[in-house]
Full PDB file with SEQRES, HELIX, SHEET, SSBOND, CRYST1, ORIGX, SCALE, CONECT and MASTER records, all heavy atoms in Angstrom:
SEQRES   1 A   35  TYR GLY ASN ILE ALA ASN LYS TYR ILE ARG LYS ARG MET          
SEQRES   2 A   35  THR GLY LYS ASN GLN ASP ARG PHE PHE ILE GLY SER PRO          
SEQRES   3 A   35  GLY GLY GLN LYS ALA GLY ASP LYS ASN                          
HELIX    1 AA1 TYR A    8  THR A   14  1                                   7    
HELIX    2 AA2 GLN A   18  ARG A   20  5                                   3    
CRYST1    1.000    1.000    1.000  90.00  90.00  90.00 P 1           1          
ORIGX1      1.000000  0.000000  0.000000        0.00000                         
ORIGX2      0.000000  1.000000  0.000000        0.00000                         
ORIGX3      0.000000  0.000000  1.000000        0.00000                         
SCALE1      1.000000  0.000000  0.000000        0.00000                         
SCALE2      0.000000  1.000000  0.000000        0.00000                         
SCALE3      0.000000  0.000000  1.000000        0.00000                         
ATOM      1  N   TYR A   1     -68.082 -46.144 -63.462  1.00  0.00           N  
ATOM      2  CA  TYR A   1     -67.723 -44.719 -63.265  1.00  0.00           C  
ATOM      3  C   TYR A   1     -67.855 -44.384 -61.820  1.00  0.00           C  
ATOM      4  O   TYR A   1     -67.620 -43.171 -61.416  1.00  0.00           O  
ATOM      5  CB  TYR A   1     -68.638 -43.846 -64.110  1.00  0.00           C  
ATOM      6  CG  TYR A   1     -68.559 -44.220 -65.607  1.00  0.00           C  
ATOM      7  CD1 TYR A   1     -69.543 -44.786 -66.246  1.00  0.00           C  
ATOM      8  CD2 TYR A   1     -67.392 -43.955 -66.412  1.00  0.00           C  
ATOM      9  CE1 TYR A   1     -69.552 -45.080 -67.599  1.00  0.00           C  
ATOM     10  CE2 TYR A   1     -67.371 -44.295 -67.735  1.00  0.00           C  
ATOM     11  CZ  TYR A   1     -68.429 -44.820 -68.303  1.00  0.00           C  
ATOM     12  OH  TYR A   1     -68.365 -45.175 -69.621  1.00  0.00           O  
ATOM     13  N   GLY A   2     -68.253 -45.236 -60.930  1.00  0.00           N  
ATOM     14  CA  GLY A   2     -68.448 -44.899 -59.525  1.00  0.00           C  
ATOM     15  C   GLY A   2     -69.769 -44.327 -59.256  1.00  0.00           C  
ATOM     16  O   GLY A   2     -70.000 -43.694 -58.099  1.00  0.00           O  
ATOM     17  N   ASN A   3     -70.758 -44.369 -60.131  1.00  0.00           N  
ATOM     18  CA  ASN A   3     -72.070 -43.770 -59.959  1.00  0.00           C  
ATOM     19  C   ASN A   3     -73.116 -44.852 -59.718  1.00  0.00           C  
ATOM     20  O   ASN A   3     -72.920 -46.026 -59.980  1.00  0.00           O  
ATOM     21  CB  ASN A   3     -72.425 -42.963 -61.228  1.00  0.00           C  
ATOM     22  CG  ASN A   3     -71.409 -41.916 -61.524  1.00  0.00           C  
ATOM     23  OD1 ASN A   3     -70.862 -41.313 -60.667  1.00  0.00           O  
ATOM     24  ND2 ASN A   3     -71.205 -41.636 -62.877  1.00  0.00           N  
ATOM     25  N   ILE A   4     -74.214 -44.379 -59.210  1.00  0.00           N  
ATOM     26  CA  ILE A   4     -75.434 -45.258 -59.062  1.00  0.00           C  
ATOM     27  C   ILE A   4     -76.057 -45.348 -60.450  1.00  0.00           C  
ATOM     28  O   ILE A   4     -76.342 -44.342 -61.155  1.00  0.00           O  
ATOM     29  CB  ILE A   4     -76.454 -44.647 -58.147  1.00  0.00           C  
ATOM     30  CG1 ILE A   4     -75.823 -44.533 -56.704  1.00  0.00           C  
ATOM     31  CG2 ILE A   4     -77.675 -45.463 -58.063  1.00  0.00           C  
ATOM     32  CD1 ILE A   4     -76.698 -43.798 -55.738  1.00  0.00           C  
ATOM     33  N   ALA A   5     -76.277 -46.509 -60.894  1.00  0.00           N  
ATOM     34  CA  ALA A   5     -76.782 -46.766 -62.300  1.00  0.00           C  
ATOM     35  C   ALA A   5     -78.199 -46.158 -62.401  1.00  0.00           C  
ATOM     36  O   ALA A   5     -78.912 -46.084 -61.410  1.00  0.00           O  
ATOM     37  CB  ALA A   5     -76.877 -48.229 -62.600  1.00  0.00           C  
ATOM     38  N   ASN A   6     -78.490 -45.725 -63.636  1.00  0.00           N  
ATOM     39  CA  ASN A   6     -79.868 -45.098 -63.882  1.00  0.00           C  
ATOM     40  C   ASN A   6     -80.898 -46.184 -63.481  1.00  0.00           C  
ATOM     41  O   ASN A   6     -80.740 -47.362 -63.767  1.00  0.00           O  
ATOM     42  CB  ASN A   6     -79.982 -44.787 -65.376  1.00  0.00           C  
ATOM     43  CG  ASN A   6     -79.114 -43.566 -65.698  1.00  0.00           C  
ATOM     44  OD1 ASN A   6     -78.782 -42.731 -64.855  1.00  0.00           O  
ATOM     45  ND2 ASN A   6     -78.810 -43.412 -67.003  1.00  0.00           N  
ATOM     46  N   LYS A   7     -81.973 -45.759 -62.852  1.00  0.00           N  
ATOM     47  CA  LYS A   7     -83.126 -46.480 -62.469  1.00  0.00           C  
ATOM     48  C   LYS A   7     -82.839 -47.536 -61.425  1.00  0.00           C  
ATOM     49  O   LYS A   7     -83.688 -48.403 -61.198  1.00  0.00           O  
ATOM     50  CB  LYS A   7     -83.746 -47.172 -63.719  1.00  0.00           C  
ATOM     51  CG  LYS A   7     -84.178 -46.201 -64.852  1.00  0.00           C  
ATOM     52  CD  LYS A   7     -84.817 -46.949 -66.000  1.00  0.00           C  
ATOM     53  CE  LYS A   7     -85.232 -45.972 -67.043  1.00  0.00           C  
ATOM     54  NZ  LYS A   7     -85.849 -46.649 -68.231  1.00  0.00           N  
ATOM     55  N   TYR A   8     -81.633 -47.453 -60.838  1.00  0.00           N  
ATOM     56  CA  TYR A   8     -81.347 -48.430 -59.736  1.00  0.00           C  
ATOM     57  C   TYR A   8     -82.332 -48.387 -58.692  1.00  0.00           C  
ATOM     58  O   TYR A   8     -82.881 -49.428 -58.161  1.00  0.00           O  
ATOM     59  CB  TYR A   8     -79.921 -48.130 -59.160  1.00  0.00           C  
ATOM     60  CG  TYR A   8     -79.510 -49.032 -57.985  1.00  0.00           C  
ATOM     61  CD1 TYR A   8     -78.726 -50.136 -58.287  1.00  0.00           C  
ATOM     62  CD2 TYR A   8     -79.807 -48.720 -56.715  1.00  0.00           C  
ATOM     63  CE1 TYR A   8     -78.281 -50.976 -57.263  1.00  0.00           C  
ATOM     64  CE2 TYR A   8     -79.490 -49.615 -55.678  1.00  0.00           C  
ATOM     65  CZ  TYR A   8     -78.719 -50.747 -55.940  1.00  0.00           C  
ATOM     66  OH  TYR A   8     -78.260 -51.516 -54.999  1.00  0.00           O  
ATOM     67  N   ILE A   9     -82.764 -47.217 -58.157  1.00  0.00           N  
ATOM     68  CA  ILE A   9     -83.720 -47.118 -57.125  1.00  0.00           C  
ATOM     69  C   ILE A   9     -85.114 -47.541 -57.582  1.00  0.00           C  
ATOM     70  O   ILE A   9     -85.831 -48.352 -56.922  1.00  0.00           O  
ATOM     71  CB  ILE A   9     -83.768 -45.647 -56.586  1.00  0.00           C  
ATOM     72  CG1 ILE A   9     -82.381 -45.234 -56.011  1.00  0.00           C  
ATOM     73  CG2 ILE A   9     -84.885 -45.460 -55.563  1.00  0.00           C  
ATOM     74  CD1 ILE A   9     -82.351 -43.809 -55.548  1.00  0.00           C  
ATOM     75  N   ARG A  10     -85.480 -47.034 -58.756  1.00  0.00           N  
ATOM     76  CA  ARG A  10     -86.864 -47.324 -59.237  1.00  0.00           C  
ATOM     77  C   ARG A  10     -87.040 -48.836 -59.453  1.00  0.00           C  
ATOM     78  O   ARG A  10     -88.143 -49.343 -59.099  1.00  0.00           O  
ATOM     79  CB  ARG A  10     -87.079 -46.603 -60.548  1.00  0.00           C  
ATOM     80  CG  ARG A  10     -88.502 -46.803 -61.098  1.00  0.00           C  
ATOM     81  CD  ARG A  10     -88.718 -46.132 -62.490  1.00  0.00           C  
ATOM     82  NE  ARG A  10     -88.510 -44.617 -62.332  1.00  0.00           N  
ATOM     83  CZ  ARG A  10     -88.587 -43.701 -63.375  1.00  0.00           C  
ATOM     84  NH1 ARG A  10     -88.738 -44.255 -64.612  1.00  0.00           N  
ATOM     85  NH2 ARG A  10     -88.433 -42.479 -63.091  1.00  0.00           N  
ATOM     86  N   LYS A  11     -86.090 -49.532 -59.994  1.00  0.00           N  
ATOM     87  CA  LYS A  11     -86.212 -50.959 -60.274  1.00  0.00           C  
ATOM     88  C   LYS A  11     -86.460 -51.635 -58.966  1.00  0.00           C  
ATOM     89  O   LYS A  11     -87.227 -52.663 -58.972  1.00  0.00           O  
ATOM     90  CB  LYS A  11     -84.987 -51.447 -60.967  1.00  0.00           C  
ATOM     91  CG  LYS A  11     -84.909 -51.036 -62.477  1.00  0.00           C  
ATOM     92  CD  LYS A  11     -83.627 -51.667 -63.061  1.00  0.00           C  
ATOM     93  CE  LYS A  11     -83.560 -51.309 -64.543  1.00  0.00           C  
ATOM     94  NZ  LYS A  11     -82.324 -51.933 -65.223  1.00  0.00           N  
ATOM     95  N   ARG A  12     -85.849 -51.288 -57.910  1.00  0.00           N  
ATOM     96  CA  ARG A  12     -85.860 -52.061 -56.620  1.00  0.00           C  
ATOM     97  C   ARG A  12     -87.219 -51.658 -55.941  1.00  0.00           C  
ATOM     98  O   ARG A  12     -87.795 -52.440 -55.152  1.00  0.00           O  
ATOM     99  CB  ARG A  12     -84.674 -51.824 -55.823  1.00  0.00           C  
ATOM    100  CG  ARG A  12     -83.518 -52.719 -56.351  1.00  0.00           C  
ATOM    101  CD  ARG A  12     -82.152 -52.130 -56.033  1.00  0.00           C  
ATOM    102  NE  ARG A  12     -81.109 -52.957 -56.583  1.00  0.00           N  
ATOM    103  CZ  ARG A  12     -80.789 -52.904 -57.911  1.00  0.00           C  
ATOM    104  NH1 ARG A  12     -81.433 -52.167 -58.687  1.00  0.00           N  
ATOM    105  NH2 ARG A  12     -79.879 -53.748 -58.394  1.00  0.00           N  
ATOM    106  N   MET A  13     -87.657 -50.379 -56.028  1.00  0.00           N  
ATOM    107  CA  MET A  13     -88.771 -49.941 -55.287  1.00  0.00           C  
ATOM    108  C   MET A  13     -90.093 -50.286 -55.962  1.00  0.00           C  
ATOM    109  O   MET A  13     -91.143 -50.211 -55.378  1.00  0.00           O  
ATOM    110  CB  MET A  13     -88.681 -48.374 -55.093  1.00  0.00           C  
ATOM    111  CG  MET A  13     -87.514 -47.972 -54.166  1.00  0.00           C  
ATOM    112  SD  MET A  13     -87.483 -48.684 -52.564  1.00  0.00           S  
ATOM    113  CE  MET A  13     -89.052 -48.021 -51.820  1.00  0.00           C  
ATOM    114  N   THR A  14     -90.059 -50.644 -57.263  1.00  0.00           N  
ATOM    115  CA  THR A  14     -91.219 -50.932 -58.002  1.00  0.00           C  
ATOM    116  C   THR A  14     -91.188 -52.310 -58.678  1.00  0.00           C  
ATOM    117  O   THR A  14     -92.153 -52.727 -59.222  1.00  0.00           O  
ATOM    118  CB  THR A  14     -91.476 -49.840 -59.125  1.00  0.00           C  
ATOM    119  OG1 THR A  14     -90.391 -49.912 -60.028  1.00  0.00           O  
ATOM    120  CG2 THR A  14     -91.654 -48.518 -58.533  1.00  0.00           C  
ATOM    121  N   GLY A  15     -90.165 -53.005 -58.515  1.00  0.00           N  
ATOM    122  CA  GLY A  15     -90.000 -54.385 -59.132  1.00  0.00           C  
ATOM    123  C   GLY A  15     -90.733 -55.407 -58.328  1.00  0.00           C  
ATOM    124  O   GLY A  15     -91.389 -55.176 -57.365  1.00  0.00           O  
ATOM    125  N   LYS A  16     -90.575 -56.628 -58.886  1.00  0.00           N  
ATOM    126  CA  LYS A  16     -91.304 -57.771 -58.241  1.00  0.00           C  
ATOM    127  C   LYS A  16     -90.792 -58.164 -56.848  1.00  0.00           C  
ATOM    128  O   LYS A  16     -91.517 -58.719 -56.067  1.00  0.00           O  
ATOM    129  CB  LYS A  16     -91.127 -59.031 -59.179  1.00  0.00           C  
ATOM    130  CG  LYS A  16     -89.713 -59.516 -59.370  1.00  0.00           C  
ATOM    131  CD  LYS A  16     -89.705 -60.727 -60.286  1.00  0.00           C  
ATOM    132  CE  LYS A  16     -88.263 -61.210 -60.430  1.00  0.00           C  
ATOM    133  NZ  LYS A  16     -88.195 -62.482 -61.298  1.00  0.00           N  
ATOM    134  N   ASN A  17     -89.522 -57.676 -56.546  1.00  0.00           N  
ATOM    135  CA  ASN A  17     -89.011 -57.926 -55.204  1.00  0.00           C  
ATOM    136  C   ASN A  17     -89.092 -56.666 -54.329  1.00  0.00           C  
ATOM    137  O   ASN A  17     -88.341 -56.497 -53.383  1.00  0.00           O  
ATOM    138  CB  ASN A  17     -87.628 -58.439 -55.185  1.00  0.00           C  
ATOM    139  CG  ASN A  17     -87.599 -59.808 -55.992  1.00  0.00           C  
ATOM    140  OD1 ASN A  17     -88.404 -60.665 -55.674  1.00  0.00           O  
ATOM    141  ND2 ASN A  17     -86.547 -59.982 -56.812  1.00  0.00           N  
ATOM    142  N   GLN A  18     -90.020 -55.727 -54.599  1.00  0.00           N  
ATOM    143  CA  GLN A  18     -90.023 -54.414 -53.937  1.00  0.00           C  
ATOM    144  C   GLN A  18     -90.157 -54.571 -52.499  1.00  0.00           C  
ATOM    145  O   GLN A  18     -89.822 -53.651 -51.700  1.00  0.00           O  
ATOM    146  CB  GLN A  18     -91.061 -53.538 -54.539  1.00  0.00           C  
ATOM    147  CG  GLN A  18     -92.501 -54.127 -54.471  1.00  0.00           C  
ATOM    148  CD  GLN A  18     -93.469 -53.182 -55.202  1.00  0.00           C  
ATOM    149  OE1 GLN A  18     -93.874 -52.130 -54.595  1.00  0.00           O  
ATOM    150  NE2 GLN A  18     -93.927 -53.550 -56.331  1.00  0.00           N  
ATOM    151  N   ASP A  19     -90.797 -55.601 -51.934  1.00  0.00           N  
ATOM    152  CA  ASP A  19     -91.024 -55.750 -50.573  1.00  0.00           C  
ATOM    153  C   ASP A  19     -89.692 -55.941 -49.782  1.00  0.00           C  
ATOM    154  O   ASP A  19     -89.641 -55.782 -48.539  1.00  0.00           O  
ATOM    155  CB  ASP A  19     -91.897 -56.983 -50.231  1.00  0.00           C  
ATOM    156  CG  ASP A  19     -93.336 -56.789 -50.698  1.00  0.00           C  
ATOM    157  OD1 ASP A  19     -93.676 -55.561 -50.912  1.00  0.00           O  
ATOM    158  OD2 ASP A  19     -94.087 -57.741 -50.860  1.00  0.00           O  
ATOM    159  N   ARG A  20     -88.645 -56.269 -50.546  1.00  0.00           N  
ATOM    160  CA  ARG A  20     -87.342 -56.403 -49.807  1.00  0.00           C  
ATOM    161  C   ARG A  20     -86.654 -55.089 -49.608  1.00  0.00           C  
ATOM    162  O   ARG A  20     -85.652 -55.021 -48.863  1.00  0.00           O  
ATOM    163  CB  ARG A  20     -86.462 -57.281 -50.749  1.00  0.00           C  
ATOM    164  CG  ARG A  20     -86.722 -58.759 -50.786  1.00  0.00           C  
ATOM    165  CD  ARG A  20     -85.922 -59.467 -51.788  1.00  0.00           C  
ATOM    166  NE  ARG A  20     -84.447 -59.108 -51.740  1.00  0.00           N  
ATOM    167  CZ  ARG A  20     -83.599 -59.199 -52.758  1.00  0.00           C  
ATOM    168  NH1 ARG A  20     -83.989 -59.693 -53.923  1.00  0.00           N  
ATOM    169  NH2 ARG A  20     -82.347 -58.845 -52.511  1.00  0.00           N  
ATOM    170  N   PHE A  21     -87.199 -53.998 -50.208  1.00  0.00           N  
ATOM    171  CA  PHE A  21     -86.518 -52.709 -50.140  1.00  0.00           C  
ATOM    172  C   PHE A  21     -87.397 -51.671 -49.552  1.00  0.00           C  
ATOM    173  O   PHE A  21     -88.689 -51.650 -49.713  1.00  0.00           O  
ATOM    174  CB  PHE A  21     -86.009 -52.253 -51.532  1.00  0.00           C  
ATOM    175  CG  PHE A  21     -85.172 -53.281 -52.261  1.00  0.00           C  
ATOM    176  CD1 PHE A  21     -85.757 -54.250 -53.107  1.00  0.00           C  
ATOM    177  CD2 PHE A  21     -83.793 -53.322 -51.979  1.00  0.00           C  
ATOM    178  CE1 PHE A  21     -84.930 -55.158 -53.793  1.00  0.00           C  
ATOM    179  CE2 PHE A  21     -83.011 -54.237 -52.652  1.00  0.00           C  
ATOM    180  CZ  PHE A  21     -83.551 -55.170 -53.559  1.00  0.00           C  
ATOM    181  N   PHE A  22     -86.819 -50.688 -48.906  1.00  0.00           N  
ATOM    182  CA  PHE A  22     -87.635 -49.468 -48.413  1.00  0.00           C  
ATOM    183  C   PHE A  22     -86.652 -48.367 -48.327  1.00  0.00           C  
ATOM    184  O   PHE A  22     -85.434 -48.453 -48.091  1.00  0.00           O  
ATOM    185  CB  PHE A  22     -88.339 -49.860 -47.105  1.00  0.00           C  
ATOM    186  CG  PHE A  22     -87.399 -49.897 -45.928  1.00  0.00           C  
ATOM    187  CD1 PHE A  22     -87.200 -48.737 -45.103  1.00  0.00           C  
ATOM    188  CD2 PHE A  22     -86.821 -51.092 -45.533  1.00  0.00           C  
ATOM    189  CE1 PHE A  22     -86.356 -48.762 -43.970  1.00  0.00           C  
ATOM    190  CE2 PHE A  22     -85.994 -51.087 -44.394  1.00  0.00           C  
ATOM    191  CZ  PHE A  22     -85.766 -49.958 -43.610  1.00  0.00           C  
ATOM    192  N   ILE A  23     -87.186 -47.137 -48.334  1.00  0.00           N  
ATOM    193  CA  ILE A  23     -86.487 -45.895 -48.133  1.00  0.00           C  
ATOM    194  C   ILE A  23     -86.995 -45.235 -46.837  1.00  0.00           C  
ATOM    195  O   ILE A  23     -88.191 -45.014 -46.709  1.00  0.00           O  
ATOM    196  CB  ILE A  23     -86.654 -44.895 -49.340  1.00  0.00           C  
ATOM    197  CG1 ILE A  23     -85.960 -45.521 -50.565  1.00  0.00           C  
ATOM    198  CG2 ILE A  23     -86.089 -43.558 -48.964  1.00  0.00           C  
ATOM    199  CD1 ILE A  23     -86.197 -44.661 -51.812  1.00  0.00           C  
ATOM    200  N   GLY A  24     -86.049 -45.021 -45.915  1.00  0.00           N  
ATOM    201  CA  GLY A  24     -86.475 -44.505 -44.629  1.00  0.00           C  
ATOM    202  C   GLY A  24     -85.342 -44.672 -43.626  1.00  0.00           C  
ATOM    203  O   GLY A  24     -84.219 -44.879 -44.047  1.00  0.00           O  
ATOM    204  N   SER A  25     -85.653 -44.694 -42.407  1.00  0.00           N  
ATOM    205  CA  SER A  25     -84.783 -44.958 -41.335  1.00  0.00           C  
ATOM    206  C   SER A  25     -85.291 -46.049 -40.417  1.00  0.00           C  
ATOM    207  O   SER A  25     -86.466 -46.079 -40.107  1.00  0.00           O  
ATOM    208  CB  SER A  25     -84.535 -43.682 -40.446  1.00  0.00           C  
ATOM    209  OG  SER A  25     -83.678 -43.940 -39.427  1.00  0.00           O  
ATOM    210  N   PRO A  26     -84.473 -47.012 -40.063  1.00  0.00           N  
ATOM    211  CA  PRO A  26     -84.945 -48.155 -39.232  1.00  0.00           C  
ATOM    212  C   PRO A  26     -85.626 -47.669 -37.907  1.00  0.00           C  
ATOM    213  O   PRO A  26     -86.572 -48.341 -37.482  1.00  0.00           O  
ATOM    214  CB  PRO A  26     -83.656 -48.922 -38.887  1.00  0.00           C  
ATOM    215  CG  PRO A  26     -82.723 -48.642 -40.072  1.00  0.00           C  
ATOM    216  CD  PRO A  26     -83.057 -47.188 -40.450  1.00  0.00           C  
ATOM    217  N   GLY A  27     -85.204 -46.539 -37.440  1.00  0.00           N  
ATOM    218  CA  GLY A  27     -85.811 -46.064 -36.218  1.00  0.00           C  
ATOM    219  C   GLY A  27     -86.951 -45.101 -36.447  1.00  0.00           C  
ATOM    220  O   GLY A  27     -87.541 -44.545 -35.470  1.00  0.00           O  
ATOM    221  N   GLY A  28     -87.364 -44.903 -37.679  1.00  0.00           N  
ATOM    222  CA  GLY A  28     -88.448 -44.024 -38.058  1.00  0.00           C  
ATOM    223  C   GLY A  28     -88.104 -42.571 -38.012  1.00  0.00           C  
ATOM    224  O   GLY A  28     -89.028 -41.761 -38.125  1.00  0.00           O  
ATOM    225  N   GLN A  29     -86.840 -42.247 -38.013  1.00  0.00           N  
ATOM    226  CA  GLN A  29     -86.395 -40.831 -38.014  1.00  0.00           C  
ATOM    227  C   GLN A  29     -86.747 -40.168 -39.413  1.00  0.00           C  
ATOM    228  O   GLN A  29     -86.978 -40.958 -40.409  1.00  0.00           O  
ATOM    229  CB  GLN A  29     -84.893 -40.660 -37.781  1.00  0.00           C  
ATOM    230  CG  GLN A  29     -84.570 -41.018 -36.321  1.00  0.00           C  
ATOM    231  CD  GLN A  29     -84.098 -42.518 -36.224  1.00  0.00           C  
ATOM    232  OE1 GLN A  29     -84.445 -43.304 -37.031  1.00  0.00           O  
ATOM    233  NE2 GLN A  29     -83.309 -42.877 -35.245  1.00  0.00           N  
ATOM    234  N   LYS A  30     -86.854 -38.825 -39.422  1.00  0.00           N  
ATOM    235  CA  LYS A  30     -87.139 -38.122 -40.597  1.00  0.00           C  
ATOM    236  C   LYS A  30     -85.970 -38.025 -41.561  1.00  0.00           C  
ATOM    237  O   LYS A  30     -84.850 -38.364 -41.105  1.00  0.00           O  
ATOM    238  CB  LYS A  30     -87.611 -36.745 -40.275  1.00  0.00           C  
ATOM    239  CG  LYS A  30     -88.927 -36.689 -39.473  1.00  0.00           C  
ATOM    240  CD  LYS A  30     -89.372 -35.296 -39.208  1.00  0.00           C  
ATOM    241  CE  LYS A  30     -90.623 -35.194 -38.373  1.00  0.00           C  
ATOM    242  NZ  LYS A  30     -91.049 -33.745 -38.091  1.00  0.00           N  
ATOM    243  N   ALA A  31     -86.318 -37.690 -42.807  1.00  0.00           N  
ATOM    244  CA  ALA A  31     -85.172 -37.489 -43.784  1.00  0.00           C  
ATOM    245  C   ALA A  31     -84.178 -36.517 -43.246  1.00  0.00           C  
ATOM    246  O   ALA A  31     -84.456 -35.516 -42.694  1.00  0.00           O  
ATOM    247  CB  ALA A  31     -85.714 -36.980 -45.123  1.00  0.00           C  
ATOM    248  N   GLY A  32     -82.862 -36.868 -43.563  1.00  0.00           N  
ATOM    249  CA  GLY A  32     -81.826 -36.046 -43.020  1.00  0.00           C  
ATOM    250  C   GLY A  32     -81.117 -36.653 -41.862  1.00  0.00           C  
ATOM    251  O   GLY A  32     -80.038 -36.297 -41.464  1.00  0.00           O  
ATOM    252  N   ASP A  33     -81.778 -37.722 -41.217  1.00  0.00           N  
ATOM    253  CA  ASP A  33     -81.097 -38.391 -40.148  1.00  0.00           C  
ATOM    254  C   ASP A  33     -79.878 -39.226 -40.697  1.00  0.00           C  
ATOM    255  O   ASP A  33     -79.876 -39.637 -41.858  1.00  0.00           O  
ATOM    256  CB  ASP A  33     -82.115 -39.342 -39.573  1.00  0.00           C  
ATOM    257  CG  ASP A  33     -81.550 -40.213 -38.409  1.00  0.00           C  
ATOM    258  OD1 ASP A  33     -81.334 -39.695 -37.335  1.00  0.00           O  
ATOM    259  OD2 ASP A  33     -81.311 -41.507 -38.736  1.00  0.00           O  
ATOM    260  N   LYS A  34     -78.994 -39.465 -39.792  1.00  0.00           N  
ATOM    261  CA  LYS A  34     -77.760 -40.092 -40.224  1.00  0.00           C  
ATOM    262  C   LYS A  34     -77.993 -41.588 -40.675  1.00  0.00           C  
ATOM    263  O   LYS A  34     -77.175 -42.223 -41.393  1.00  0.00           O  
ATOM    264  CB  LYS A  34     -76.700 -40.121 -39.122  1.00  0.00           C  
ATOM    265  CG  LYS A  34     -77.161 -40.886 -37.864  1.00  0.00           C  
ATOM    266  CD  LYS A  34     -76.032 -40.867 -36.829  1.00  0.00           C  
ATOM    267  CE  LYS A  34     -76.522 -41.514 -35.520  1.00  0.00           C  
ATOM    268  NZ  LYS A  34     -75.454 -41.526 -34.516  1.00  0.00           N  
ATOM    269  N   ASN A  35     -79.120 -42.175 -40.318  1.00  0.00           N  
ATOM    270  CA  ASN A  35     -79.471 -43.464 -40.697  1.00  0.00           C  
ATOM    271  C   ASN A  35     -80.501 -43.602 -41.878  1.00  0.00           C  
ATOM    272  O   ASN A  35     -80.887 -44.672 -42.195  1.00  0.00           O  
ATOM    273  CB  ASN A  35     -80.048 -44.306 -39.484  1.00  0.00           C  
ATOM    274  CG  ASN A  35     -79.097 -44.457 -38.373  1.00  0.00           C  
ATOM    275  OD1 ASN A  35     -77.896 -44.689 -38.616  1.00  0.00           O  
ATOM    276  ND2 ASN A  35     -79.492 -44.129 -37.179  1.00  0.00           N  
TER     277      ASN A  35                                                      
MASTER        0    0    0    2    0    0    0    6  276    1    0    3          
END                                                                             
């Protein structure tokens, strides 16, 4: 349907491979930054 599947974020942020994922900006900018 062109949507993000339910629990897509949670599975990656709390799963066994969670170290591979992070939410933020590579440059350390705050939320709302283009990156």
